[in-house]
Amino acid sequence: MEIERLGENKIRCALSEEEIREMGYNIDEIIGNTEVTQEFMRAVVELVEEQGNISMQNISCLLYTSPSP
């Protein structure tokens, strides 16, 4: 997972499709606004806080997808 701070209240977190699968999800499951999407986002927030030493309090989460190169 690649984490980049873009501003005081904004970060970019990039996960590969393989990393998503390793978390127990697939792309089709996490696209949209479902309970699975929310569960995935909570898991990513926890990983960001652990790996990036970044507090996610008061930071909104948006999910963007893009194909890997």
C-alpha atoms as a PDB file:
ATOM      1  CA  MET A   1       0.000   0.000   0.000  1.00  0.00           C
ATOM      2  CA  GLU A   2       1.307   3.416  -0.944  1.00  0.00           C
ATOM      3  CA  ILE A   3       0.305   6.302   1.334  1.00  0.00           C
ATOM      4  CA  GLU A   4       0.939   9.946   0.445  1.00  0.00           C
ATOM      5  CA  ARG A   5      -0.106  13.004   2.447  1.00  0.00           C
ATOM      6  CA  LEU A   6      -1.520  15.603   0.058  1.00  0.00           C
ATOM      7  CA  GLY A   7      -2.517  18.196   2.640  1.00  0.00           C
ATOM      8  CA  GLU A   8      -3.539  18.640   6.241  1.00  0.00           C
ATOM      9  CA  ASN A   9      -6.812  16.759   5.776  1.00  0.00           C
ATOM     10  CA  LYS A  10      -6.121  14.797   2.610  1.00  0.00           C
ATOM     11  CA  ILE A  11      -4.134  11.665   1.818  1.00  0.00           C
ATOM     12  CA  ARG A  12      -3.828   9.381  -1.166  1.00  0.00           C
ATOM     13  CA  CYS A  13      -3.737   5.674  -0.524  1.00  0.00           C
ATOM     14  CA  ALA A  14      -3.039   3.345  -3.442  1.00  0.00           C
ATOM     15  CA  LEU A  15      -3.617  -0.391  -3.208  1.00  0.00           C
ATOM     16  CA  SER A  16      -2.965  -2.894  -5.934  1.00  0.00           C
ATOM     17  CA  GLU A  17      -5.643  -5.341  -6.970  1.00  0.00           C
ATOM     18  CA  GLU A  18      -3.498  -8.066  -5.389  1.00  0.00           C
ATOM     19  CA  GLU A  19      -3.440  -6.207  -2.048  1.00  0.00           C
ATOM     20  CA  ILE A  20      -7.200  -5.824  -2.202  1.00  0.00           C
ATOM     21  CA  ARG A  21      -7.570  -9.562  -2.810  1.00  0.00           C
ATOM     22  CA  GLU A  22      -5.191 -10.286   0.088  1.00  0.00           C
ATOM     23  CA  MET A  23      -7.553  -8.272   2.319  1.00  0.00           C
ATOM     24  CA  GLY A  24     -10.341 -10.651   1.281  1.00  0.00           C
ATOM     25  CA  TYR A  25     -12.147  -8.407  -1.229  1.00  0.00           C
ATOM     26  CA  ASN A  26     -12.375  -8.056  -4.980  1.00  0.00           C
ATOM     27  CA  ILE A  27     -12.818  -4.941  -7.090  1.00  0.00           C
ATOM     28  CA  ASP A  28     -16.422  -5.711  -8.020  1.00  0.00           C
ATOM     29  CA  GLU A  29     -17.397  -5.994  -4.341  1.00  0.00           C
ATOM     30  CA  ILE A  30     -15.980  -2.660  -3.250  1.00  0.00           C
ATOM     31  CA  ILE A  31     -17.261  -0.485  -6.082  1.00  0.00           C
ATOM     32  CA  GLY A  32     -20.494   1.192  -5.161  1.00  0.00           C
ATOM     33  CA  ASN A  33     -22.049   2.191  -1.879  1.00  0.00           C
ATOM     34  CA  THR A  34     -22.713  -1.082  -0.127  1.00  0.00           C
ATOM     35  CA  GLU A  35     -22.007  -2.434   3.337  1.00  0.00           C
ATOM     36  CA  VAL A  36     -19.034  -4.327   1.858  1.00  0.00           C
ATOM     37  CA  THR A  37     -17.663  -1.029   0.513  1.00  0.00           C
ATOM     38  CA  GLN A  38     -17.998   0.565   3.938  1.00  0.00           C
ATOM     39  CA  GLU A  39     -16.330  -2.442   5.585  1.00  0.00           C
ATOM     40  CA  PHE A  40     -13.451  -2.242   3.088  1.00  0.00           C
ATOM     41  CA  MET A  41     -12.998   1.490   3.708  1.00  0.00           C
ATOM     42  CA  ARG A  42     -12.898   0.951   7.487  1.00  0.00           C
ATOM     43  CA  ALA A  43     -10.214  -1.709   6.974  1.00  0.00           C
ATOM     44  CA  VAL A  44      -8.168   0.665   4.780  1.00  0.00           C
ATOM     45  CA  VAL A  45      -8.501   3.461   7.349  1.00  0.00           C
ATOM     46  CA  GLU A  46      -7.161   1.130  10.038  1.00  0.00           C
ATOM     47  CA  LEU A  47      -4.220   0.136   7.815  1.00  0.00           C
ATOM     48  CA  VAL A  48      -3.431   3.779   7.020  1.00  0.00           C
ATOM     49  CA  GLU A  49      -3.438   4.665  10.699  1.00  0.00           C
ATOM     50  CA  GLU A  50      -1.149   1.725  11.500  1.00  0.00           C
ATOM     51  CA  GLN A  51       1.248   1.860   8.549  1.00  0.00           C
ATOM     52  CA  GLY A  52       1.271   5.575   7.848  1.00  0.00           C
ATOM     53  CA  ASN A  53       1.127   6.764  11.445  1.00  0.00           C
ATOM     54  CA  ILE A  54      -1.660   9.119  10.351  1.00  0.00           C
ATOM     55  CA  SER A  55      -4.765   9.885  12.378  1.00  0.00           C
ATOM     56  CA  MET A  56      -7.825   9.582  10.159  1.00  0.00           C
ATOM     57  CA  GLN A  57     -10.038  11.512  12.578  1.00  0.00           C
ATOM     58  CA  ASN A  58     -11.854  14.346  10.743  1.00  0.00           C
ATOM     59  CA  ILE A  59     -10.693  13.103   7.333  1.00  0.00           C
ATOM     60  CA  SER A  60     -13.304  12.119   4.749  1.00  0.00           C
ATOM     61  CA  CYS A  61     -12.724   9.022   2.639  1.00  0.00           C
ATOM     62  CA  LEU A  62     -13.399   8.780  -1.074  1.00  0.00           C
ATOM     63  CA  LEU A  63     -12.811   5.709  -3.200  1.00  0.00           C
ATOM     64  CA  TYR A  64     -11.337   6.076  -6.689  1.00  0.00           C
ATOM     65  CA  THR A  65     -10.358   3.227  -8.920  1.00  0.00           C
ATOM     66  CA  SER A  66      -7.864   3.204 -11.721  1.00  0.00           C
ATOM     67  CA  PRO A  67      -6.249   0.414 -13.678  1.00  0.00           C
ATOM     68  CA  SER A  68      -2.751  -0.539 -12.680  1.00  0.00           C
ATOM     69  CA  PRO A  69      -0.015   0.142 -15.202  1.00  0.00           C
END
